[in-house]
Protein backbone atom coordinates (compact mmCIF):
# COMPACT_ATOMS: atom_id res chain seq x y z
CA MET A 1 31.02 -51.00 -3.50
CA ASN A 2 32.29 -48.27 -1.19
CA LYS A 3 32.33 -45.83 -4.13
CA VAL A 4 28.73 -46.71 -4.93
CA LEU A 5 27.73 -46.14 -1.31
CA LEU A 6 29.66 -42.88 -1.25
CA VAL A 7 27.96 -41.63 -4.43
CA SER A 8 24.57 -42.69 -3.07
CA PHE A 9 25.27 -40.85 0.18
CA PHE A 10 26.15 -37.62 -1.63
CA CYS A 11 23.09 -37.91 -3.91
CA LEU A 12 20.89 -38.36 -0.83
CA LEU A 13 22.59 -35.39 0.84
CA LEU A 14 22.11 -33.23 -2.26
CA PHE A 15 18.45 -34.22 -2.50
CA SER A 16 17.94 -33.41 1.17
CA CYS A 17 19.58 -29.99 0.76
CA LYS A 18 17.39 -29.17 -2.23
CA LYS A 19 14.32 -30.31 -0.36
CA THR A 20 15.28 -28.21 2.67
CA GLN A 21 15.95 -25.20 0.46
CA LYS A 22 12.52 -25.57 -1.16
CA GLN A 23 10.85 -25.86 2.23
CA SER A 24 12.68 -22.80 3.56
CA ILE A 25 10.71 -20.50 1.27
CA ILE A 26 7.35 -21.69 2.53
CA GLY A 27 5.72 -19.04 4.68
CA VAL A 28 4.13 -19.34 8.10
CA ILE A 29 1.34 -21.92 8.18
CA GLY A 30 -1.80 -21.37 10.25
CA GLU A 31 -4.60 -23.84 10.88
CA LYS A 32 -7.28 -21.26 11.72
CA ALA A 33 -6.11 -17.69 11.19
CA MET A 34 -3.30 -15.58 9.74
CA LEU A 35 -2.10 -12.00 10.11
CA VAL A 36 0.72 -10.36 8.17
CA SER A 37 2.08 -6.84 8.69
CA ALA A 38 5.18 -4.65 8.65
CA ARG A 39 6.15 -5.49 12.26
CA GLU A 40 5.91 -8.56 14.46
CA GLU A 41 4.45 -6.46 17.28
CA VAL A 42 1.59 -5.38 15.01
CA SER A 43 0.81 -8.90 13.83
CA ASN A 44 0.86 -10.09 17.45
CA ILE A 45 -1.67 -7.43 18.47
CA GLY A 46 -3.98 -8.84 15.81
CA LYS A 47 -3.36 -12.37 17.07
CA ILE A 48 -4.19 -11.37 20.66
CA ILE A 49 -7.49 -9.89 19.49
CA LEU A 50 -8.44 -12.94 17.42
CA GLU A 51 -7.57 -15.29 20.29
CA LYS A 52 -9.95 -13.30 22.51
CA GLY A 53 -12.76 -14.20 20.11
CA GLY A 54 -12.53 -11.12 17.94
CA ASN A 55 -12.89 -11.15 14.18
CA ALA A 56 -10.84 -9.70 11.31
CA PHE A 57 -12.43 -6.26 11.73
CA ASP A 58 -11.54 -6.15 15.43
CA ALA A 59 -8.00 -7.16 14.49
CA MET A 60 -7.98 -4.44 11.81
CA VAL A 61 -8.65 -1.81 14.50
CA GLY A 62 -5.88 -3.08 16.76
CA MET A 63 -3.33 -3.46 13.97
CA GLU A 64 -4.07 -0.01 12.51
CA LEU A 65 -3.44 1.59 15.92
CA ALA A 66 -0.43 -0.65 16.64
CA LEU A 67 1.22 0.53 13.41
CA ALA A 68 1.17 4.05 14.86
CA VAL A 69 3.14 2.71 17.83
CA ALA A 70 5.56 0.30 16.18
CA TYR A 71 5.92 1.65 12.63
CA PRO A 72 5.78 5.48 12.66
CA TYR A 73 7.54 5.44 9.28
CA ALA A 74 4.13 4.80 7.66
CA GLY A 75 1.61 4.20 10.47
CA SER A 76 -0.02 7.04 12.39
CA LEU A 77 -3.26 8.37 13.82
CA GLY A 78 -2.56 11.23 11.42
CA GLY A 79 -2.98 9.19 8.23
CA GLY A 80 -5.61 7.36 6.20
CA GLY A 81 -6.18 4.30 4.08
CA PHE A 82 -8.39 1.80 2.26
CA MET A 83 -9.87 -1.54 3.28
CA VAL A 84 -11.27 -4.30 1.07
CA TYR A 85 -13.11 -7.12 2.82
CA ARG A 86 -14.76 -10.46 2.09
CA LEU A 87 -17.06 -12.00 4.66
CA THR A 88 -17.18 -15.73 5.23
CA ASP A 89 -20.53 -15.83 3.37
CA GLY A 90 -18.92 -14.28 0.27
CA ASN A 91 -20.25 -10.74 0.68
CA ILE A 92 -17.68 -8.10 -0.24
CA GLY A 93 -17.15 -4.39 0.24
CA ALA A 94 -14.64 -1.58 0.62
CA LEU A 95 -14.04 1.27 3.04
CA ASP A 96 -12.43 4.55 2.04
CA TYR A 97 -10.85 6.46 4.91
CA ARG A 98 -8.44 8.38 2.70
CA GLU A 99 -7.46 11.86 3.88
CA LYS A 100 -9.27 14.93 2.49
CA ALA A 101 -8.16 18.42 1.54
CA PRO A 102 -8.95 21.08 4.19
CA LEU A 103 -11.84 23.48 3.57
CA ALA A 104 -9.34 26.30 2.99
CA ALA A 105 -7.50 24.36 0.26
CA TYR A 106 -7.65 25.61 -3.34
CA LYS A 107 -6.48 24.48 -6.76
CA ASN A 108 -3.27 26.52 -7.12
CA MET A 109 -2.24 26.63 -3.46
CA TYR A 110 1.20 25.16 -4.16
CA LEU A 111 2.03 27.42 -7.13
CA ASP A 112 4.11 30.59 -7.03
CA SER A 113 1.67 33.45 -7.73
CA LEU A 114 4.11 35.11 -10.14
CA THR A 115 5.69 32.21 -12.03
CA GLN A 116 2.83 29.71 -11.60
CA GLU A 117 5.47 27.06 -10.95
CA VAL A 118 5.25 24.56 -8.09
CA ILE A 119 6.89 25.84 -4.89
CA PRO A 120 9.45 23.16 -3.90
CA ASN A 121 8.51 21.04 -0.85
CA LYS A 122 5.46 23.12 0.12
CA SER A 123 3.22 20.10 -0.45
CA ARG A 124 5.69 17.67 1.10
CA LEU A 125 7.20 19.14 4.28
CA GLY A 126 5.45 20.80 7.18
CA ALA A 127 1.92 21.84 8.08
CA MET A 128 0.74 22.95 4.63
CA ALA A 129 1.26 19.41 3.33
CA VAL A 130 -1.25 17.84 5.72
CA GLY A 131 -4.62 16.43 4.69
CA ILE A 132 -7.45 15.80 7.17
CA PRO A 133 -6.68 12.40 8.79
CA GLY A 134 -9.07 9.49 8.28
CA ASN A 135 -7.60 6.58 10.27
CA ILE A 136 -9.68 6.97 13.43
CA ALA A 137 -12.89 7.46 11.42
CA GLY A 138 -11.98 4.37 9.40
CA ILE A 139 -11.45 2.01 12.31
CA TYR A 140 -14.63 3.17 14.03
CA ALA A 141 -16.69 2.80 10.84
CA SER A 142 -15.32 -0.72 10.33
CA HIS A 143 -15.92 -1.72 13.95
CA GLU A 144 -19.42 -0.26 14.09
CA LYS A 145 -20.49 -2.33 11.08
CA PHE A 146 -18.66 -5.61 11.69
CA GLY A 147 -16.81 -5.64 15.03
CA LYS A 148 -17.47 -8.19 17.79
CA LEU A 149 -15.35 -7.19 20.77
CA PRO A 150 -15.84 -3.94 22.73
CA MET A 151 -13.61 -1.18 21.40
CA GLU A 152 -12.07 -0.69 24.86
CA GLU A 153 -10.90 -4.31 24.86
CA ILE A 154 -9.28 -3.87 21.43
CA ILE A 155 -7.45 -0.63 22.24
CA SER A 156 -6.07 -1.77 25.63
CA PRO A 157 -3.26 -4.03 24.30
CA VAL A 158 -2.16 -1.23 21.94
CA ILE A 159 -1.89 1.18 24.88
CA ALA A 160 0.14 -1.45 26.73
CA LEU A 161 2.47 -1.77 23.72
CA ALA A 162 2.95 2.02 23.58
CA GLU A 163 3.80 2.15 27.30
CA LYS A 164 6.12 -0.85 27.14
CA GLY A 165 7.84 0.44 24.03
CA VAL A 166 9.09 -1.08 20.79
CA VAL A 167 12.64 -2.24 20.10
CA VAL A 168 14.39 -0.47 17.21
CA THR A 169 15.51 -2.81 14.41
CA GLU A 170 18.57 -2.29 12.21
CA LYS A 171 16.38 -1.36 9.24
CA GLN A 172 14.45 1.08 11.40
CA GLN A 173 17.69 2.68 12.59
CA LYS A 174 18.70 3.28 8.98
CA ARG A 175 15.36 4.95 8.27
CA PHE A 176 15.75 7.22 11.31
CA GLU A 177 19.24 8.19 10.15
CA LYS A 178 18.06 8.89 6.60
CA TYR A 179 15.24 11.25 7.61
CA ARG A 180 16.52 12.76 10.88
CA ASP A 181 17.67 16.02 9.29
CA ASP A 182 14.23 16.61 7.75
CA ILE A 183 12.51 15.79 11.04
CA ILE A 184 14.73 18.28 12.87
CA LYS A 185 14.16 20.89 10.14
CA VAL A 186 10.38 20.67 10.50
CA ASN A 187 10.29 20.20 14.28
CA SER A 188 13.36 20.72 16.48
CA VAL A 189 16.37 18.87 17.88
CA SER A 190 14.32 18.08 20.99
CA SER A 191 11.72 16.07 19.05
CA LEU A 192 11.33 12.42 20.10
CA PHE A 193 12.37 11.25 16.65
CA ALA A 194 15.28 13.65 16.37
CA ILE A 195 17.06 11.46 18.93
CA ASP A 196 19.85 9.31 17.52
CA TRP A 197 18.00 6.02 18.04
CA LYS A 198 20.07 2.85 17.57
CA ALA A 199 19.14 -0.76 16.93
CA THR A 200 18.14 -2.56 20.18
CA ASP A 201 17.03 0.75 21.79
CA THR A 202 13.46 0.78 23.10
CA ILE A 203 11.19 3.69 22.14
CA LYS A 204 8.31 4.24 24.56
CA ARG A 205 5.34 6.17 23.14
CA LEU A 206 3.86 7.52 26.37
CA ARG A 207 2.15 10.59 24.88
CA LEU A 208 0.63 8.47 22.14
CA ALA A 209 -0.57 6.12 24.89
CA ASN A 210 -2.31 9.06 26.58
CA THR A 211 -4.00 10.02 23.30
CA LEU A 212 -5.18 6.42 22.85
CA LYS A 213 -6.55 6.40 26.42
CA ARG A 214 -8.70 9.44 25.64
CA ILE A 215 -9.94 7.79 22.42
CA LYS A 216 -10.63 4.58 24.33
CA GLN A 217 -12.72 6.52 26.86
CA ASN A 218 -14.52 8.95 24.55
CA GLY A 219 -14.63 7.15 21.20
CA ARG A 220 -14.38 8.50 17.66
CA ASP A 221 -15.49 12.02 18.56
CA GLU A 222 -12.45 12.46 20.79
CA PHE A 223 -10.29 12.70 17.69
CA TYR A 224 -12.67 14.77 15.57
CA LYS A 225 -14.51 16.98 18.06
CA GLY A 226 -12.96 16.57 21.51
CA GLU A 227 -9.84 17.54 23.44
CA THR A 228 -7.56 15.69 21.03
CA ALA A 229 -9.13 17.52 18.07
CA GLN A 230 -8.57 20.90 19.70
CA LYS A 231 -4.97 20.08 20.60
CA LEU A 232 -4.33 18.93 17.03
CA VAL A 233 -5.87 22.03 15.44
CA ASP A 234 -3.99 24.35 17.81
CA PHE A 235 -0.74 22.58 16.94
CA MET A 236 -1.42 22.69 13.21
CA GLN A 237 -2.23 26.39 13.19
CA GLN A 238 0.79 27.23 15.35
CA SER A 239 2.86 25.30 12.79
CA GLY A 240 1.50 27.34 9.86
CA GLY A 241 -1.24 24.96 8.70
CA ILE A 242 -4.86 25.56 7.66
CA MET A 243 -6.64 22.69 9.44
CA THR A 244 -9.68 23.74 11.51
CA MET A 245 -12.11 22.16 13.97
CA GLU A 246 -14.71 22.28 11.21
CA ASP A 247 -12.43 20.22 8.96
CA LEU A 248 -12.17 17.50 11.59
CA ALA A 249 -15.84 17.59 12.56
CA LYS A 250 -16.94 17.17 8.91
CA TYR A 251 -14.67 14.21 8.13
CA GLU A 252 -16.42 10.90 7.39
CA ALA A 253 -15.16 7.57 6.12
CA LYS A 254 -17.10 6.27 3.09
CA TRP A 255 -18.23 2.77 2.15
CA ARG A 256 -17.44 2.07 -1.51
CA THR A 257 -18.22 -0.66 -4.02
CA PRO A 258 -14.96 -2.45 -4.82
CA ILE A 259 -13.71 -3.06 -8.35
CA THR A 260 -14.34 -6.68 -9.33
CA PHE A 261 -13.25 -8.56 -12.45
CA THR A 262 -12.36 -12.05 -13.61
CA TYR A 263 -9.01 -13.39 -14.77
CA ASP A 264 -9.02 -17.03 -15.93
CA ASP A 265 -10.85 -18.85 -13.12
CA LEU A 266 -10.16 -16.13 -10.57
CA ARG A 267 -12.40 -13.33 -9.31
CA VAL A 268 -10.35 -10.34 -8.21
CA ILE A 269 -11.76 -7.84 -5.68
CA SER A 270 -9.79 -4.62 -5.33
CA MET A 271 -10.07 -0.99 -4.26
CA SER A 272 -12.15 1.50 -6.20
CA PRO A 273 -11.48 5.24 -6.68
CA PRO A 274 -10.18 7.45 -5.21
CA SER A 275 -7.66 4.63 -5.34
CA SER A 276 -6.44 3.89 -8.83
CA GLY A 277 -5.40 0.42 -7.71
CA GLY A 278 -8.41 -1.67 -8.68
CA ILE A 279 -9.01 -0.08 -12.08
CA CYS A 280 -5.32 -0.21 -13.07
CA LEU A 281 -4.94 -3.79 -11.83
CA ALA A 282 -8.02 -4.79 -13.82
CA GLU A 283 -6.80 -3.05 -16.99
CA ILE A 284 -3.41 -4.75 -16.79
CA MET A 285 -4.71 -8.24 -16.00
CA LYS A 286 -7.42 -8.06 -18.68
CA ALA A 287 -4.79 -6.94 -21.21
CA ILE A 288 -2.52 -9.91 -20.55
CA GLU A 289 -5.27 -12.53 -20.08
CA PRO A 290 -5.47 -13.52 -23.79
CA TYR A 291 -1.79 -14.56 -23.73
CA ASP A 292 -0.44 -17.82 -22.35
CA ILE A 293 1.94 -16.02 -20.04
CA ALA A 294 2.78 -19.17 -18.08
CA SER A 295 4.33 -20.69 -21.23
CA PHE A 296 6.60 -17.66 -21.60
CA GLY A 297 8.29 -18.53 -18.29
CA HIS A 298 8.70 -16.50 -15.12
CA ASN A 299 10.43 -13.12 -15.56
CA THR A 300 11.51 -13.94 -19.11
CA THR A 301 11.86 -11.32 -21.83
CA LYS A 302 8.44 -12.09 -23.36
CA ALA A 303 6.66 -12.13 -20.00
CA ILE A 304 8.24 -8.83 -18.93
CA GLN A 305 7.46 -7.25 -22.31
CA LEU A 306 3.79 -8.17 -22.13
CA ILE A 307 3.37 -6.98 -18.56
CA VAL A 308 5.31 -3.74 -19.15
CA GLU A 309 3.23 -2.84 -22.21
CA ALA A 310 -0.02 -3.51 -20.35
CA GLU A 311 1.23 -1.40 -17.44
CA ARG A 312 2.26 1.42 -19.77
CA ARG A 313 -1.26 1.74 -21.15
CA ALA A 314 -3.06 1.38 -17.80
CA TYR A 315 -0.91 4.04 -16.13
CA ALA A 316 -1.46 6.45 -19.02
CA ASP A 317 -5.20 6.09 -18.43
CA ARG A 318 -4.72 6.47 -14.68
CA ASN A 319 -3.11 9.87 -15.11
CA TYR A 320 -5.97 11.40 -17.08
CA PHE A 321 -9.15 9.75 -15.87
CA LEU A 322 -8.87 8.91 -12.19
CA GLY A 323 -9.55 10.96 -9.08
CA ASP A 324 -12.12 11.32 -6.30
CA PRO A 325 -15.43 9.90 -7.66
CA ASP A 326 -17.34 12.38 -5.49
CA PHE A 327 -15.83 15.21 -7.58
CA SER A 328 -15.12 13.71 -11.01
CA MET A 329 -16.97 11.39 -13.39
CA ILE A 330 -14.78 8.32 -13.87
CA PRO A 331 -15.47 6.18 -16.99
CA THR A 332 -14.91 2.90 -15.15
CA GLU A 333 -17.16 0.79 -17.38
CA THR A 334 -15.40 1.99 -20.54
CA LEU A 335 -11.89 1.63 -19.13
CA LEU A 336 -12.58 -2.00 -18.15
CA SER A 337 -14.51 -3.02 -21.26
CA ASP A 338 -13.04 -5.78 -23.43
CA ASP A 339 -13.29 -3.67 -26.58
CA TYR A 340 -11.45 -0.72 -25.03
CA ILE A 341 -8.63 -2.88 -23.65
CA LYS A 342 -8.30 -4.77 -26.94
CA GLU A 343 -7.97 -1.46 -28.78
CA ARG A 344 -5.40 -0.22 -26.26
CA MET A 345 -3.26 -3.33 -26.81
CA SER A 346 -3.64 -3.30 -30.61
CA THR A 347 -0.31 -1.47 -31.02
CA PHE A 348 1.59 -3.96 -28.84
CA SER A 349 4.22 -6.13 -30.52
CA PHE A 350 6.84 -8.51 -29.17
CA GLU A 351 9.17 -7.13 -31.85
CA LYS A 352 9.86 -3.82 -30.08
CA ALA A 353 8.86 -1.51 -27.25
CA THR A 354 5.97 0.92 -27.74
CA PRO A 355 7.27 4.38 -26.76
CA SER A 356 5.04 6.08 -24.20
CA THR A 357 4.72 9.06 -26.54
CA GLU A 358 2.82 6.79 -28.93
CA VAL A 359 0.49 5.44 -26.26
CA SER A 360 -0.77 8.84 -25.15
CA HIS A 361 0.51 12.36 -24.96
CA GLY A 362 1.11 14.77 -22.13
CA ASN A 363 3.83 15.39 -19.61
CA ILE A 364 2.30 14.37 -16.29
CA GLU A 365 4.60 12.06 -14.37
CA ILE A 366 3.31 10.03 -11.43
CA ILE A 367 5.19 11.13 -8.35
CA GLU A 368 3.87 9.25 -5.35
CA SER A 369 5.76 8.40 -2.19
CA ASP A 370 6.72 4.78 -1.59
CA GLU A 371 6.40 4.82 2.18
CA THR A 372 3.04 3.17 2.81
CA THR A 373 2.23 -0.01 4.75
CA HIS A 374 -0.13 -2.94 4.34
CA TYR A 375 -1.60 -5.71 6.45
CA SER A 376 -3.63 -8.79 5.54
CA ILE A 377 -5.93 -10.77 7.86
CA VAL A 378 -7.92 -13.99 7.67
CA ASP A 379 -9.76 -14.77 10.91
CA THR A 380 -11.05 -17.97 12.48
CA PHE A 381 -14.52 -17.35 11.01
CA GLY A 382 -13.26 -17.14 7.42
CA ASN A 383 -13.53 -13.36 7.07
CA ALA A 384 -10.75 -11.69 5.08
CA VAL A 385 -9.52 -8.11 5.33
CA SER A 386 -6.93 -6.39 3.15
CA VAL A 387 -5.84 -2.93 4.32
CA THR A 388 -3.32 -0.45 2.95
CA THR A 389 -2.69 2.60 5.13
CA THR A 390 -0.28 5.51 4.92
CA ILE A 391 0.87 8.96 5.90
CA ASN A 392 2.30 9.16 2.35
CA GLY A 393 6.02 10.04 2.61
CA ALA A 394 8.42 8.57 5.15
CA TYR A 395 7.17 9.97 8.48
CA GLY A 396 4.62 11.89 6.40
CA SER A 397 5.14 15.65 6.40
CA LYS A 398 7.86 15.08 9.07
CA LEU A 399 5.65 17.23 11.31
CA TYR A 400 5.43 15.50 14.70
CA CYS A 401 2.93 16.56 17.37
CA GLU A 402 4.85 15.94 20.59
CA GLU A 403 1.80 16.44 22.81
CA LEU A 404 -0.34 13.89 20.95
CA GLY A 405 2.51 11.56 19.98
CA PHE A 406 2.16 11.05 16.23
CA PHE A 407 3.33 12.26 12.81
CA LEU A 408 1.03 14.09 10.40
CA ASN A 409 0.63 12.99 6.78
CA ASN A 410 1.74 14.86 3.64
CA GLU A 411 -1.07 13.51 1.48
CA MET A 412 -1.71 16.88 -0.17
CA ASP A 413 1.30 16.03 -2.31
CA ASP A 414 -0.76 13.29 -3.98
CA PHE A 415 -2.95 15.88 -5.66
CA SER A 416 -1.90 17.31 -9.01
CA ALA A 417 -0.42 20.65 -8.00
CA LYS A 418 -0.35 21.82 -11.61
CA PRO A 419 -2.63 20.01 -14.09
CA GLY A 420 -1.16 19.45 -17.54
CA GLU A 421 -2.27 19.74 -21.16
CA PRO A 422 -5.45 18.34 -22.78
CA ASN A 423 -5.28 14.71 -23.82
CA MET A 424 -6.70 13.16 -26.97
CA PHE A 425 -10.12 12.86 -25.29
CA GLY A 426 -10.24 16.63 -24.63
CA LEU A 427 -9.74 16.23 -20.87
CA ILE A 428 -7.17 18.32 -19.06
CA GLY A 429 -4.34 16.06 -17.92
CA ALA A 430 -4.72 15.20 -14.21
CA GLU A 431 -7.63 17.66 -13.85
CA ALA A 432 -9.56 14.82 -12.20
CA ASN A 433 -6.98 14.90 -9.40
CA SER A 434 -6.70 18.67 -8.98
CA ILE A 435 -7.03 20.19 -5.49
CA ALA A 436 -10.45 21.15 -4.11
CA PRO A 437 -11.84 21.57 -0.57
CA GLU A 438 -12.90 18.27 1.04
CA LYS A 439 -11.65 16.30 -1.97
CA ARG A 440 -9.78 13.02 -1.55
CA MET A 441 -6.48 12.76 -3.40
CA LEU A 442 -5.77 9.95 -5.89
CA SER A 443 -3.83 6.95 -4.60
CA SER A 444 -2.21 3.78 -5.92
CA MET A 445 -3.05 1.73 -2.82
CA THR A 446 -4.34 -1.66 -3.95
CA PRO A 447 -5.67 -3.81 -1.10
CA THR A 448 -6.89 -6.93 -2.92
CA ILE A 449 -8.71 -10.19 -2.28
CA VAL A 450 -8.87 -13.03 -4.82
CA GLU A 451 -11.39 -15.84 -5.04
CA LYS A 452 -10.91 -19.13 -6.87
CA ASP A 453 -13.91 -21.28 -7.72
CA GLY A 454 -16.03 -19.02 -5.51
CA LYS A 455 -13.87 -19.55 -2.43
CA LEU A 456 -11.33 -17.32 -0.67
CA TYR A 457 -7.91 -17.81 -2.27
CA ILE A 458 -5.54 -14.84 -1.77
CA VAL A 459 -5.42 -11.75 0.45
CA VAL A 460 -2.66 -9.38 -0.64
CA GLY A 461 -1.36 -5.83 -0.73
CA THR A 462 1.80 -3.76 -0.40
CA PRO A 463 3.27 -0.31 0.10
CA GLY A 464 5.32 1.24 -2.68
CA GLY A 465 3.60 4.32 -4.08
CA SER A 466 3.07 3.96 -7.81
CA THR A 467 4.74 0.50 -7.70
CA ILE A 468 1.97 -0.88 -5.47
CA ILE A 469 -0.24 -1.95 -8.37
CA THR A 470 2.52 -3.76 -10.23
CA SER A 471 3.80 -5.49 -7.07
CA VAL A 472 0.32 -6.84 -6.28
CA LEU A 473 -0.04 -7.90 -9.92
CA GLN A 474 3.23 -9.83 -10.00
CA THR A 475 2.50 -11.57 -6.68
CA ILE A 476 -0.89 -12.79 -7.94
CA LEU A 477 0.65 -13.94 -11.24
CA ASN A 478 3.47 -15.73 -9.41
CA VAL A 479 0.91 -17.78 -7.50
CA HIS A 480 -1.65 -18.31 -10.25
CA GLU A 481 0.46 -18.60 -13.40
CA TYR A 482 3.69 -20.02 -12.00
CA GLY A 483 2.42 -22.24 -9.19
CA MET A 484 4.34 -20.58 -6.37
CA GLY A 485 3.37 -20.53 -2.72
CA MET A 486 2.79 -17.16 -1.08
CA GLN A 487 6.22 -16.68 0.48
CA GLU A 488 7.98 -17.83 -2.69
CA ALA A 489 5.82 -15.48 -4.77
CA ILE A 490 6.66 -12.53 -2.50
CA ASN A 491 10.38 -13.26 -2.50
CA GLN A 492 10.70 -12.98 -6.30
CA PRO A 493 12.45 -9.93 -7.81
CA ARG A 494 10.06 -7.30 -9.16
CA PHE A 495 9.95 -4.78 -11.99
CA HIS A 496 7.76 -1.77 -12.72
CA HIS A 497 6.66 0.55 -15.52
CA GLN A 498 4.26 3.50 -15.14
CA TRP A 499 4.09 5.16 -18.59
CA LEU A 500 6.17 8.16 -17.54
CA PRO A 501 9.07 8.17 -17.11
CA ASP A 502 9.39 5.67 -19.97
CA THR A 503 11.65 3.40 -17.92
CA VAL A 504 11.48 -0.18 -16.69
CA ARG A 505 12.53 -0.13 -13.04
CA MET A 506 14.09 -3.40 -11.84
CA GLU A 507 15.36 -4.56 -8.50
CA PRO A 508 19.11 -4.57 -9.17
CA LYS A 509 20.05 -8.06 -7.98
CA GLY A 510 17.05 -9.86 -9.41
CA PHE A 511 17.60 -9.81 -13.16
CA GLY A 512 20.52 -11.04 -15.23
CA ASP A 513 22.62 -8.89 -17.55
CA ALA A 514 21.64 -10.95 -20.60
CA LEU A 515 17.94 -10.37 -19.94
CA LYS A 516 18.44 -6.63 -19.45
CA ALA A 517 20.55 -6.46 -22.63
CA GLU A 518 17.85 -8.25 -24.63
CA LEU A 519 15.18 -5.83 -23.37
CA THR A 520 17.44 -2.88 -24.19
CA THR A 521 17.87 -4.17 -27.73
CA LEU A 522 14.08 -4.26 -28.07
CA GLY A 523 13.92 -0.57 -27.17
CA TYR A 524 13.32 -0.60 -23.42
CA THR A 525 15.20 1.71 -21.07
CA ILE A 526 16.23 -0.25 -17.98
CA ASP A 527 16.85 1.32 -14.58
CA ALA A 528 18.26 -1.20 -12.13
CA THR A 529 20.09 1.31 -9.94
CA ASN A 530 17.38 3.37 -8.21
CA SER A 531 15.04 0.56 -7.17
CA PRO A 532 16.72 -1.48 -4.42
CA VAL A 533 13.23 -2.37 -3.15
CA ILE A 534 9.95 -2.46 -5.07
CA GLY A 535 7.08 -3.08 -2.66
CA LYS A 536 6.91 -4.96 0.62
CA VAL A 537 4.11 -7.42 0.00
CA GLU A 538 2.02 -8.97 2.79
CA GLY A 539 0.01 -11.93 1.54
CA ILE A 540 -2.09 -14.86 2.67
CA LEU A 541 -2.79 -17.93 0.51
CA VAL A 542 -5.50 -20.48 1.24
CA LEU A 543 -3.89 -23.87 0.61
CA PRO A 544 -5.74 -26.86 -0.91
CA ASP A 545 -6.16 -28.44 2.55
CA GLY A 546 -7.73 -25.25 3.91
CA LYS A 547 -4.69 -24.17 5.89
CA LEU A 548 -3.34 -20.64 5.49
CA GLU A 549 0.13 -19.68 4.29
CA GLY A 550 1.23 -16.24 5.40
CA GLY A 551 3.98 -14.58 3.37
CA ALA A 552 5.86 -11.60 4.82
CA ASP A 553 8.23 -9.60 2.66
CA PRO A 554 11.92 -10.12 3.56
CA ARG A 555 12.65 -6.64 2.16
CA GLY A 556 11.47 -5.24 5.52
CA ASP A 557 10.95 -6.30 9.14
CA ASP A 558 7.62 -7.79 8.11
CA LYS A 559 6.12 -10.74 9.97
CA ALA A 560 3.39 -13.32 9.46
CA VAL A 561 1.72 -14.76 12.57
CA GLY A 562 -0.74 -17.64 12.45
CA PHE A 563 -2.41 -20.15 14.70
């Protein structure tokens, strides 16, 4: 009898442990609203604004500015981004506040005049790498159209955060250490971010606070035409850049029509060009839709094969066709047609890998920095906002304006510095993304909203450069095909393929040796050494009872906050 009781006790204990373990991967639950971002301080700014009666667009303004304070690695007044939104009545739209090339930019500006080869780091470090920032124009455009609270009321808590300061985390300390030499090289040893900051230190952003006070008082024009604009241009020209007051005065954010498509019973709403995110995501999901991927099992050989081969073909198309729609004709309708995608997948077989040389030809490799950031919002009114914003590389161009208190982007590196050879359609490889004055550079940012049965279902996005699209894809599939909650879906190991290089990148601890060996036998080249992190997804899932589950990626300091 005692043995029976003892066995029963251990069975009950085991069941309880399993149940607890399952519950531990459920994200933050909110009754009314949810905000997810790269830092707790940023999510809390959004929460403060919503609790004051603001909506998702008010919170977007506060969180965008708060990222400049708390997450200078990827957030800055000197950057740009994309927003996809869905109003509570079902209306959708997108805002493009991507950076633009200066008026003095030209096609071969990063090539050696004698050798016609790319000059190393000219498009990545320092003043010549900087595109015209769009963040301030973006938040004002969003607020003017949809905001509820006065702008002054939204900016005030961000100024308070900058003056109070933000505590350095261990992960942040490691990032400072990794990039300090480059920051010193571009600036000086006296720069604020050349200091040897340690975890638990507090960094006060007093000069950034002063810049925000001027913007709060004078509005959008302060950044593009006022004192701040003049200070920025003076600094840029003293640093060897080509930005002018005319560049800033001419900058405008643009409202775009998002890319929409169906997958099973879902309607996916994602970013349109000059982001490649929506078109690539649509191509990949439409390519795999005819297959019963759920029956293959999660992250099995067959599932990975199918996704990789769809990615391979979509990224090959991305390289040749996509760019700024204001400068290039993009064949969106053809790329997303059922007949075209069926033809593209006609050479796919589970028997072996399709070499990228057989999918398309050319030698253009996607080189896009991973250091972006994303935030997702669902407000108390039912509005949803998905925003991906960036200064491109880690701390952008590494150029830091001490007087204004922020880093400048290196988005010019996202242009094709040297377009490649003609493809089979007669187009010059990456010509659509060549440099031109006032042109927006191609991006992989993929802020996305998903509906199910006509109702809001998922709000999702991630940083990660060229891996953004595939990280968003896998998170959606994890929820829809494999029945995971948002936090569980985000926690799963991820993989990535982008046509060139012809390599399957895998997070090293997420996939077993037997699986990798099987894929290798089928002809895939596996790289599980250079991808310790693929994406840092921020997602919100509307649960069947109407509550919201916020998932924040454990790969960073990310935080979901709900109420």
